[in-house]
mmCIF file of all heavy atoms, coordinates in Angstrom:
data_MODEL
# 
_entry.id   MODEL 
# 
loop_
_atom_site.group_PDB 
_atom_site.id 
_atom_site.type_symbol 
_atom_site.label_atom_id 
_atom_site.label_alt_id 
_atom_site.label_comp_id 
_atom_site.label_asym_id 
_atom_site.label_entity_id 
_atom_site.label_seq_id 
_atom_site.pdbx_PDB_ins_code 
_atom_site.Cartn_x 
_atom_site.Cartn_y 
_atom_site.Cartn_z 
_atom_site.occupancy 
_atom_site.B_iso_or_equiv 
_atom_site.pdbx_formal_charge 
_atom_site.auth_seq_id 
_atom_site.auth_comp_id 
_atom_site.auth_asym_id 
_atom_site.auth_atom_id 
_atom_site.pdbx_PDB_model_num 
ATOM 1   N N   . LYS A 1 1  ? 6.371   1.177   4.382  1.00 0.00 ? 1  LYS A N   1 
ATOM 2   C CA  . LYS A 1 1  ? 4.924   1.408   4.429  1.00 0.00 ? 1  LYS A CA  1 
ATOM 3   C C   . LYS A 1 1  ? 4.412   1.934   3.097  1.00 0.00 ? 1  LYS A C   1 
ATOM 4   O O   . LYS A 1 1  ? 5.031   2.797   2.478  1.00 0.00 ? 1  LYS A O   1 
ATOM 5   C CB  . LYS A 1 1  ? 4.576   2.410   5.526  1.00 0.00 ? 1  LYS A CB  1 
ATOM 6   C CG  . LYS A 1 1  ? 4.606   1.856   6.945  1.00 0.00 ? 1  LYS A CG  1 
ATOM 7   C CD  . LYS A 1 1  ? 4.440   2.979   7.955  1.00 0.00 ? 1  LYS A CD  1 
ATOM 8   C CE  . LYS A 1 1  ? 3.189   3.778   7.728  1.00 0.00 ? 1  LYS A CE  1 
ATOM 9   N NZ  . LYS A 1 1  ? 3.055   4.931   8.659  1.00 0.00 ? 1  LYS A NZ  1 
ATOM 10  N N   . ILE A 1 2  ? 3.249   1.412   2.697  1.00 0.00 ? 2  ILE A N   1 
ATOM 11  C CA  . ILE A 1 2  ? 2.522   1.889   1.523  1.00 0.00 ? 2  ILE A CA  1 
ATOM 12  C C   . ILE A 1 2  ? 1.179   2.439   1.979  1.00 0.00 ? 2  ILE A C   1 
ATOM 13  O O   . ILE A 1 2  ? 0.529   1.862   2.857  1.00 0.00 ? 2  ILE A O   1 
ATOM 14  C CB  . ILE A 1 2  ? 2.277   0.740   0.527  1.00 0.00 ? 2  ILE A CB  1 
ATOM 15  C CG1 . ILE A 1 2  ? 3.577   0.288   -0.109 1.00 0.00 ? 2  ILE A CG1 1 
ATOM 16  C CG2 . ILE A 1 2  ? 1.289   1.143   -0.553 1.00 0.00 ? 2  ILE A CG2 1 
ATOM 17  C CD1 . ILE A 1 2  ? 3.396   -0.933  -0.992 1.00 0.00 ? 2  ILE A CD1 1 
ATOM 18  N N   . LEU A 1 3  ? 0.776   3.539   1.375  1.00 0.00 ? 3  LEU A N   1 
ATOM 19  C CA  . LEU A 1 3  ? -0.571  4.059   1.586  1.00 0.00 ? 3  LEU A CA  1 
ATOM 20  C C   . LEU A 1 3  ? -1.415  3.662   0.378  1.00 0.00 ? 3  LEU A C   1 
ATOM 21  O O   . LEU A 1 3  ? -1.106  4.024   -0.752 1.00 0.00 ? 3  LEU A O   1 
ATOM 22  C CB  . LEU A 1 3  ? -0.544  5.581   1.721  1.00 0.00 ? 3  LEU A CB  1 
ATOM 23  C CG  . LEU A 1 3  ? -1.902  6.271   1.867  1.00 0.00 ? 3  LEU A CG  1 
ATOM 24  C CD1 . LEU A 1 3  ? -2.596  5.826   3.155  1.00 0.00 ? 3  LEU A CD1 1 
ATOM 25  C CD2 . LEU A 1 3  ? -1.732  7.791   1.847  1.00 0.00 ? 3  LEU A CD2 1 
ATOM 26  N N   . ARG A 1 4  ? -2.452  2.864   0.620  1.00 0.00 ? 4  ARG A N   1 
ATOM 27  C CA  . ARG A 1 4  ? -3.350  2.458   -0.465 1.00 0.00 ? 4  ARG A CA  1 
ATOM 28  C C   . ARG A 1 4  ? -4.638  3.279   -0.364 1.00 0.00 ? 4  ARG A C   1 
ATOM 29  O O   . ARG A 1 4  ? -5.334  3.252   0.663  1.00 0.00 ? 4  ARG A O   1 
ATOM 30  C CB  . ARG A 1 4  ? -3.645  0.962   -0.410 1.00 0.00 ? 4  ARG A CB  1 
ATOM 31  C CG  . ARG A 1 4  ? -4.416  0.456   -1.642 1.00 0.00 ? 4  ARG A CG  1 
ATOM 32  C CD  . ARG A 1 4  ? -4.577  -1.056  -1.623 1.00 0.00 ? 4  ARG A CD  1 
ATOM 33  N NE  . ARG A 1 4  ? -3.307  -1.760  -1.807 1.00 0.00 ? 4  ARG A NE  1 
ATOM 34  C CZ  . ARG A 1 4  ? -2.778  -2.079  -2.990 1.00 0.00 ? 4  ARG A CZ  1 
ATOM 35  N NH1 . ARG A 1 4  ? -3.427  -1.742  -4.096 1.00 0.00 ? 4  ARG A NH1 1 
ATOM 36  N NH2 . ARG A 1 4  ? -1.631  -2.735  -3.054 1.00 0.00 ? 4  ARG A NH2 1 
ATOM 37  N N   . VAL A 1 5  ? -4.947  3.991   -1.438 1.00 0.00 ? 5  VAL A N   1 
ATOM 38  C CA  . VAL A 1 5  ? -6.107  4.878   -1.470 1.00 0.00 ? 5  VAL A CA  1 
ATOM 39  C C   . VAL A 1 5  ? -7.093  4.361   -2.504 1.00 0.00 ? 5  VAL A C   1 
ATOM 40  O O   . VAL A 1 5  ? -6.777  4.285   -3.697 1.00 0.00 ? 5  VAL A O   1 
ATOM 41  C CB  . VAL A 1 5  ? -5.686  6.322   -1.815 1.00 0.00 ? 5  VAL A CB  1 
ATOM 42  C CG1 . VAL A 1 5  ? -6.906  7.230   -1.883 1.00 0.00 ? 5  VAL A CG1 1 
ATOM 43  C CG2 . VAL A 1 5  ? -4.669  6.837   -0.798 1.00 0.00 ? 5  VAL A CG2 1 
ATOM 44  N N   . ASN A 1 6  ? -8.289  4.006   -2.059 1.00 0.00 ? 6  ASN A N   1 
ATOM 45  C CA  . ASN A 1 6  ? -9.338  3.564   -2.962 1.00 0.00 ? 6  ASN A CA  1 
ATOM 46  C C   . ASN A 1 6  ? -10.338 4.705   -3.114 1.00 0.00 ? 6  ASN A C   1 
ATOM 47  O O   . ASN A 1 6  ? -11.120 5.001   -2.198 1.00 0.00 ? 6  ASN A O   1 
ATOM 48  C CB  . ASN A 1 6  ? -10.036 2.306   -2.424 1.00 0.00 ? 6  ASN A CB  1 
ATOM 49  C CG  . ASN A 1 6  ? -10.991 1.706   -3.444 1.00 0.00 ? 6  ASN A CG  1 
ATOM 50  O OD1 . ASN A 1 6  ? -11.913 2.370   -3.897 1.00 0.00 ? 6  ASN A OD1 1 
ATOM 51  N ND2 . ASN A 1 6  ? -10.755 0.444   -3.809 1.00 0.00 ? 6  ASN A ND2 1 
ATOM 52  N N   . LEU A 1 7  ? -10.309 5.340   -4.251 1.00 0.00 ? 7  LEU A N   1 
ATOM 53  C CA  . LEU A 1 7  ? -11.155 6.511   -4.477 1.00 0.00 ? 7  LEU A CA  1 
ATOM 54  C C   . LEU A 1 7  ? -12.625 6.141   -4.606 1.00 0.00 ? 7  LEU A C   1 
ATOM 55  O O   . LEU A 1 7  ? -13.504 6.923   -4.225 1.00 0.00 ? 7  LEU A O   1 
ATOM 56  C CB  . LEU A 1 7  ? -10.692 7.239   -5.741 1.00 0.00 ? 7  LEU A CB  1 
ATOM 57  C CG  . LEU A 1 7  ? -9.292  7.864   -5.669 1.00 0.00 ? 7  LEU A CG  1 
ATOM 58  C CD1 . LEU A 1 7  ? -8.845  8.311   -7.043 1.00 0.00 ? 7  LEU A CD1 1 
ATOM 59  C CD2 . LEU A 1 7  ? -9.270  9.037   -4.696 1.00 0.00 ? 7  LEU A CD2 1 
ATOM 60  N N   . THR A 1 8  ? -12.901 4.970   -5.135 1.00 0.00 ? 8  THR A N   1 
ATOM 61  C CA  . THR A 1 8  ? -14.289 4.528   -5.270 1.00 0.00 ? 8  THR A CA  1 
ATOM 62  C C   . THR A 1 8  ? -14.934 4.363   -3.906 1.00 0.00 ? 8  THR A C   1 
ATOM 63  O O   . THR A 1 8  ? -16.079 4.787   -3.682 1.00 0.00 ? 8  THR A O   1 
ATOM 64  C CB  . THR A 1 8  ? -14.351 3.192   -6.042 1.00 0.00 ? 8  THR A CB  1 
ATOM 65  O OG1 . THR A 1 8  ? -13.695 3.350   -7.303 1.00 0.00 ? 8  THR A OG1 1 
ATOM 66  C CG2 . THR A 1 8  ? -15.791 2.764   -6.266 1.00 0.00 ? 8  THR A CG2 1 
ATOM 67  N N   . GLN A 1 9  ? -14.211 3.770   -2.970 1.00 0.00 ? 9  GLN A N   1 
ATOM 68  C CA  . GLN A 1 9  ? -14.719 3.536   -1.617 1.00 0.00 ? 9  GLN A CA  1 
ATOM 69  C C   . GLN A 1 9  ? -14.480 4.717   -0.684 1.00 0.00 ? 9  GLN A C   1 
ATOM 70  O O   . GLN A 1 9  ? -15.075 4.785   0.393  1.00 0.00 ? 9  GLN A O   1 
ATOM 71  C CB  . GLN A 1 9  ? -14.054 2.297   -1.026 1.00 0.00 ? 9  GLN A CB  1 
ATOM 72  C CG  . GLN A 1 9  ? -14.304 1.011   -1.811 1.00 0.00 ? 9  GLN A CG  1 
ATOM 73  C CD  . GLN A 1 9  ? -13.486 -0.164  -1.306 1.00 0.00 ? 9  GLN A CD  1 
ATOM 74  O OE1 . GLN A 1 9  ? -12.714 -0.019  -0.354 1.00 0.00 ? 9  GLN A OE1 1 
ATOM 75  N NE2 . GLN A 1 9  ? -13.635 -1.317  -1.944 1.00 0.00 ? 9  GLN A NE2 1 
ATOM 76  N N   . GLY A 1 10 ? -13.575 5.623   -1.076 1.00 0.00 ? 10 GLY A N   1 
ATOM 77  C CA  . GLY A 1 10 ? -13.228 6.752   -0.214 1.00 0.00 ? 10 GLY A CA  1 
ATOM 78  C C   . GLY A 1 10 ? -12.367 6.338   0.969  1.00 0.00 ? 10 GLY A C   1 
ATOM 79  O O   . GLY A 1 10 ? -12.411 6.974   2.026  1.00 0.00 ? 10 GLY A O   1 
ATOM 80  N N   . SER A 1 11 ? -11.550 5.290   0.793  1.00 0.00 ? 11 SER A N   1 
ATOM 81  C CA  . SER A 1 11 ? -10.783 4.754   1.922  1.00 0.00 ? 11 SER A CA  1 
ATOM 82  C C   . SER A 1 11 ? -9.289  4.965   1.749  1.00 0.00 ? 11 SER A C   1 
ATOM 83  O O   . SER A 1 11 ? -8.766  5.026   0.633  1.00 0.00 ? 11 SER A O   1 
ATOM 84  C CB  . SER A 1 11 ? -11.050 3.252   2.062  1.00 0.00 ? 11 SER A CB  1 
ATOM 85  O OG  . SER A 1 11 ? -10.596 2.546   0.911  1.00 0.00 ? 11 SER A OG  1 
ATOM 86  N N   . CYS A 1 12 ? -8.601  5.066   2.884  1.00 0.00 ? 12 CYS A N   1 
ATOM 87  C CA  . CYS A 1 12 ? -7.145  5.165   2.936  1.00 0.00 ? 12 CYS A CA  1 
ATOM 88  C C   . CYS A 1 12 ? -6.653  4.176   3.990  1.00 0.00 ? 12 CYS A C   1 
ATOM 89  O O   . CYS A 1 12 ? -7.104  4.211   5.136  1.00 0.00 ? 12 CYS A O   1 
ATOM 90  C CB  . CYS A 1 12 ? -6.688  6.570   3.334  1.00 0.00 ? 12 CYS A CB  1 
ATOM 91  S SG  . CYS A 1 12 ? -7.252  7.909   2.263  1.00 0.00 ? 12 CYS A SG  1 
ATOM 92  N N   . ARG A 1 13 ? -5.721  3.299   3.612  1.00 0.00 ? 13 ARG A N   1 
ATOM 93  C CA  . ARG A 1 13 ? -5.218  2.347   4.598  1.00 0.00 ? 13 ARG A CA  1 
ATOM 94  C C   . ARG A 1 13 ? -3.743  2.082   4.378  1.00 0.00 ? 13 ARG A C   1 
ATOM 95  O O   . ARG A 1 13 ? -3.223  2.152   3.260  1.00 0.00 ? 13 ARG A O   1 
ATOM 96  C CB  . ARG A 1 13 ? -6.002  1.043   4.555  1.00 0.00 ? 13 ARG A CB  1 
ATOM 97  C CG  . ARG A 1 13 ? -5.951  0.273   3.252  1.00 0.00 ? 13 ARG A CG  1 
ATOM 98  C CD  . ARG A 1 13 ? -6.789  -1.009  3.319  1.00 0.00 ? 13 ARG A CD  1 
ATOM 99  N NE  . ARG A 1 13 ? -6.862  -1.716  2.042  1.00 0.00 ? 13 ARG A NE  1 
ATOM 100 C CZ  . ARG A 1 13 ? -5.952  -2.585  1.605  1.00 0.00 ? 13 ARG A CZ  1 
ATOM 101 N NH1 . ARG A 1 13 ? -4.894  -2.861  2.382  1.00 0.00 ? 13 ARG A NH1 1 
ATOM 102 N NH2 . ARG A 1 13 ? -6.073  -3.177  0.439  1.00 0.00 ? 13 ARG A NH2 1 
ATOM 103 N N   . SER A 1 14 ? -3.075  1.766   5.459  1.00 0.00 ? 14 SER A N   1 
ATOM 104 C CA  . SER A 1 14 ? -1.651  1.447   5.420  1.00 0.00 ? 14 SER A CA  1 
ATOM 105 C C   . SER A 1 14 ? -1.457  -0.050  5.213  1.00 0.00 ? 14 SER A C   1 
ATOM 106 O O   . SER A 1 14 ? -2.245  -0.860  5.701  1.00 0.00 ? 14 SER A O   1 
ATOM 107 C CB  . SER A 1 14 ? -0.992  1.873   6.745  1.00 0.00 ? 14 SER A CB  1 
ATOM 108 O OG  . SER A 1 14 ? 0.335   1.423   6.809  1.00 0.00 ? 14 SER A OG  1 
ATOM 109 N N   . GLU A 1 15 ? -0.401  -0.390  4.476  1.00 0.00 ? 15 GLU A N   1 
ATOM 110 C CA  . GLU A 1 15 ? -0.032  -1.793  4.360  1.00 0.00 ? 15 GLU A CA  1 
ATOM 111 C C   . GLU A 1 15 ? 1.487   -1.895  4.273  1.00 0.00 ? 15 GLU A C   1 
ATOM 112 O O   . GLU A 1 15 ? 2.161   -0.934  3.880  1.00 0.00 ? 15 GLU A O   1 
ATOM 113 C CB  . GLU A 1 15 ? -0.696  -2.441  3.151  1.00 0.00 ? 15 GLU A CB  1 
ATOM 114 C CG  . GLU A 1 15 ? -0.293  -1.894  1.805  1.00 0.00 ? 15 GLU A CG  1 
ATOM 115 C CD  . GLU A 1 15 ? -1.035  -2.576  0.660  1.00 0.00 ? 15 GLU A CD  1 
ATOM 116 O OE1 . GLU A 1 15 ? -2.282  -2.566  0.672  1.00 0.00 ? 15 GLU A OE1 1 
ATOM 117 O OE2 . GLU A 1 15 ? -0.371  -3.101  -0.253 1.00 0.00 ? 15 GLU A OE2 1 
ATOM 118 N N   . PRO A 1 16 ? 2.062   -3.029  4.618  1.00 0.00 ? 16 PRO A N   1 
ATOM 119 C CA  . PRO A 1 16 ? 3.519   -3.159  4.597  1.00 0.00 ? 16 PRO A CA  1 
ATOM 120 C C   . PRO A 1 16 ? 4.068   -3.217  3.180  1.00 0.00 ? 16 PRO A C   1 
ATOM 121 O O   . PRO A 1 16 ? 3.431   -3.785  2.279  1.00 0.00 ? 16 PRO A O   1 
ATOM 122 C CB  . PRO A 1 16 ? 3.777   -4.468  5.351  1.00 0.00 ? 16 PRO A CB  1 
ATOM 123 C CG  . PRO A 1 16 ? 2.507   -5.234  5.217  1.00 0.00 ? 16 PRO A CG  1 
ATOM 124 C CD  . PRO A 1 16 ? 1.402   -4.225  5.185  1.00 0.00 ? 16 PRO A CD  1 
ATOM 125 N N   . LEU A 1 17 ? 5.232   -2.633  2.989  1.00 0.00 ? 17 LEU A N   1 
ATOM 126 C CA  . LEU A 1 17 ? 5.916   -2.722  1.709  1.00 0.00 ? 17 LEU A CA  1 
ATOM 127 C C   . LEU A 1 17 ? 6.403   -4.152  1.502  1.00 0.00 ? 17 LEU A C   1 
ATOM 128 O O   . LEU A 1 17 ? 6.872   -4.809  2.432  1.00 0.00 ? 17 LEU A O   1 
ATOM 129 C CB  . LEU A 1 17 ? 7.115   -1.767  1.703  1.00 0.00 ? 17 LEU A CB  1 
ATOM 130 C CG  . LEU A 1 17 ? 7.927   -1.672  0.405  1.00 0.00 ? 17 LEU A CG  1 
ATOM 131 C CD1 . LEU A 1 17 ? 7.117   -0.974  -0.685 1.00 0.00 ? 17 LEU A CD1 1 
ATOM 132 C CD2 . LEU A 1 17 ? 9.232   -0.913  0.637  1.00 0.00 ? 17 LEU A CD2 1 
ATOM 133 N N   . ASN A 1 18 ? 6.300   -4.630  0.284  1.00 0.00 ? 18 ASN A N   1 
ATOM 134 C CA  . ASN A 1 18 ? 6.789   -5.967  -0.043 1.00 0.00 ? 18 ASN A CA  1 
ATOM 135 C C   . ASN A 1 18 ? 8.314   -5.905  -0.131 1.00 0.00 ? 18 ASN A C   1 
ATOM 136 O O   . ASN A 1 18 ? 8.879   -5.489  -1.154 1.00 0.00 ? 18 ASN A O   1 
ATOM 137 C CB  . ASN A 1 18 ? 6.186   -6.444  -1.366 1.00 0.00 ? 18 ASN A CB  1 
ATOM 138 C CG  . ASN A 1 18 ? 6.524   -7.882  -1.684 1.00 0.00 ? 18 ASN A CG  1 
ATOM 139 O OD1 . ASN A 1 18 ? 7.628   -8.355  -1.433 1.00 0.00 ? 18 ASN A OD1 1 
ATOM 140 N ND2 . ASN A 1 18 ? 5.553   -8.596  -2.254 1.00 0.00 ? 18 ASN A ND2 1 
ATOM 141 N N   . MET A 1 19 ? 8.996   -6.317  0.936  1.00 0.00 ? 19 MET A N   1 
ATOM 142 C CA  . MET A 1 19 ? 10.441  -6.178  0.994  1.00 0.00 ? 19 MET A CA  1 
ATOM 143 C C   . MET A 1 19 ? 11.159  -7.153  0.067  1.00 0.00 ? 19 MET A C   1 
ATOM 144 O O   . MET A 1 19 ? 12.297  -6.895  -0.353 1.00 0.00 ? 19 MET A O   1 
ATOM 145 C CB  . MET A 1 19 ? 10.932  -6.334  2.428  1.00 0.00 ? 19 MET A CB  1 
ATOM 146 C CG  . MET A 1 19 ? 10.477  -5.214  3.362  1.00 0.00 ? 19 MET A CG  1 
ATOM 147 S SD  . MET A 1 19 ? 10.854  -3.548  2.718  1.00 0.00 ? 19 MET A SD  1 
ATOM 148 C CE  . MET A 1 19 ? 12.652  -3.596  2.626  1.00 0.00 ? 19 MET A CE  1 
ATOM 149 N N   . ALA A 1 20 ? 10.538  -8.253  -0.278 1.00 0.00 ? 20 ALA A N   1 
ATOM 150 C CA  . ALA A 1 20 ? 11.140  -9.150  -1.270 1.00 0.00 ? 20 ALA A CA  1 
ATOM 151 C C   . ALA A 1 20 ? 11.209  -8.456  -2.629 1.00 0.00 ? 20 ALA A C   1 
ATOM 152 O O   . ALA A 1 20 ? 12.207  -8.586  -3.354 1.00 0.00 ? 20 ALA A O   1 
ATOM 153 C CB  . ALA A 1 20 ? 10.333  -10.439 -1.360 1.00 0.00 ? 20 ALA A CB  1 
ATOM 154 N N   . TRP A 1 21 ? 10.159  -7.711  -2.961 1.00 0.00 ? 21 TRP A N   1 
ATOM 155 C CA  . TRP A 1 21 ? 10.174  -6.945  -4.199 1.00 0.00 ? 21 TRP A CA  1 
ATOM 156 C C   . TRP A 1 21 ? 11.169  -5.793  -4.113 1.00 0.00 ? 21 TRP A C   1 
ATOM 157 O O   . TRP A 1 21 ? 11.838  -5.478  -5.097 1.00 0.00 ? 21 TRP A O   1 
ATOM 158 C CB  . TRP A 1 21 ? 8.777   -6.403  -4.506 1.00 0.00 ? 21 TRP A CB  1 
ATOM 159 C CG  . TRP A 1 21 ? 7.820   -7.455  -4.961 1.00 0.00 ? 21 TRP A CG  1 
ATOM 160 C CD1 . TRP A 1 21 ? 8.080   -8.784  -5.186 1.00 0.00 ? 21 TRP A CD1 1 
ATOM 161 C CD2 . TRP A 1 21 ? 6.436   -7.265  -5.267 1.00 0.00 ? 21 TRP A CD2 1 
ATOM 162 N NE1 . TRP A 1 21 ? 6.946   -9.429  -5.604 1.00 0.00 ? 21 TRP A NE1 1 
ATOM 163 C CE2 . TRP A 1 21 ? 5.919   -8.529  -5.670 1.00 0.00 ? 21 TRP A CE2 1 
ATOM 164 C CE3 . TRP A 1 21 ? 5.579   -6.181  -5.247 1.00 0.00 ? 21 TRP A CE3 1 
ATOM 165 C CZ2 . TRP A 1 21 ? 4.585   -8.709  -6.045 1.00 0.00 ? 21 TRP A CZ2 1 
ATOM 166 C CZ3 . TRP A 1 21 ? 4.247   -6.343  -5.618 1.00 0.00 ? 21 TRP A CZ3 1 
ATOM 167 C CH2 . TRP A 1 21 ? 3.760   -7.596  -6.008 1.00 0.00 ? 21 TRP A CH2 1 
ATOM 168 N N   . ALA A 1 22 ? 11.260  -5.142  -2.954 1.00 0.00 ? 22 ALA A N   1 
ATOM 169 C CA  . ALA A 1 22 ? 12.226  -4.050  -2.790 1.00 0.00 ? 22 ALA A CA  1 
ATOM 170 C C   . ALA A 1 22 ? 13.645  -4.543  -3.028 1.00 0.00 ? 22 ALA A C   1 
ATOM 171 O O   . ALA A 1 22 ? 14.478  -3.834  -3.610 1.00 0.00 ? 22 ALA A O   1 
ATOM 172 C CB  . ALA A 1 22 ? 12.096  -3.438  -1.400 1.00 0.00 ? 22 ALA A CB  1 
ATOM 173 N N   . ALA A 1 23 ? 13.942  -5.752  -2.590 1.00 0.00 ? 23 ALA A N   1 
ATOM 174 C CA  . ALA A 1 23 ? 15.268  -6.331  -2.795 1.00 0.00 ? 23 ALA A CA  1 
ATOM 175 C C   . ALA A 1 23 ? 15.551  -6.604  -4.270 1.00 0.00 ? 23 ALA A C   1 
ATOM 176 O O   . ALA A 1 23 ? 16.709  -6.671  -4.685 1.00 0.00 ? 23 ALA A O   1 
ATOM 177 C CB  . ALA A 1 23 ? 15.413  -7.618  -1.985 1.00 0.00 ? 23 ALA A CB  1 
ATOM 178 N N   . GLN A 1 24 ? 14.508  -6.742  -5.064 1.00 0.00 ? 24 GLN A N   1 
ATOM 179 C CA  . GLN A 1 24 ? 14.668  -7.001  -6.500 1.00 0.00 ? 24 GLN A CA  1 
ATOM 180 C C   . GLN A 1 24 ? 14.584  -5.733  -7.352 1.00 0.00 ? 24 GLN A C   1 
ATOM 181 O O   . GLN A 1 24 ? 15.224  -5.643  -8.401 1.00 0.00 ? 24 GLN A O   1 
ATOM 182 C CB  . GLN A 1 24 ? 13.575  -7.949  -6.978 1.00 0.00 ? 24 GLN A CB  1 
ATOM 183 C CG  . GLN A 1 24 ? 13.717  -9.392  -6.527 1.00 0.00 ? 24 GLN A CG  1 
ATOM 184 C CD  . GLN A 1 24 ? 12.639  -10.257 -7.153 1.00 0.00 ? 24 GLN A CD  1 
ATOM 185 O OE1 . GLN A 1 24 ? 11.446  -10.015 -6.976 1.00 0.00 ? 24 GLN A OE1 1 
ATOM 186 N NE2 . GLN A 1 24 ? 13.056  -11.262 -7.914 1.00 0.00 ? 24 GLN A NE2 1 
# 
């Protein structure tokens, strides 16, 4: 899991980790 925080919008949302990148 990644937490993406957009300070301009004031938003916080979860998104899945890119597991293909994690493997690399």
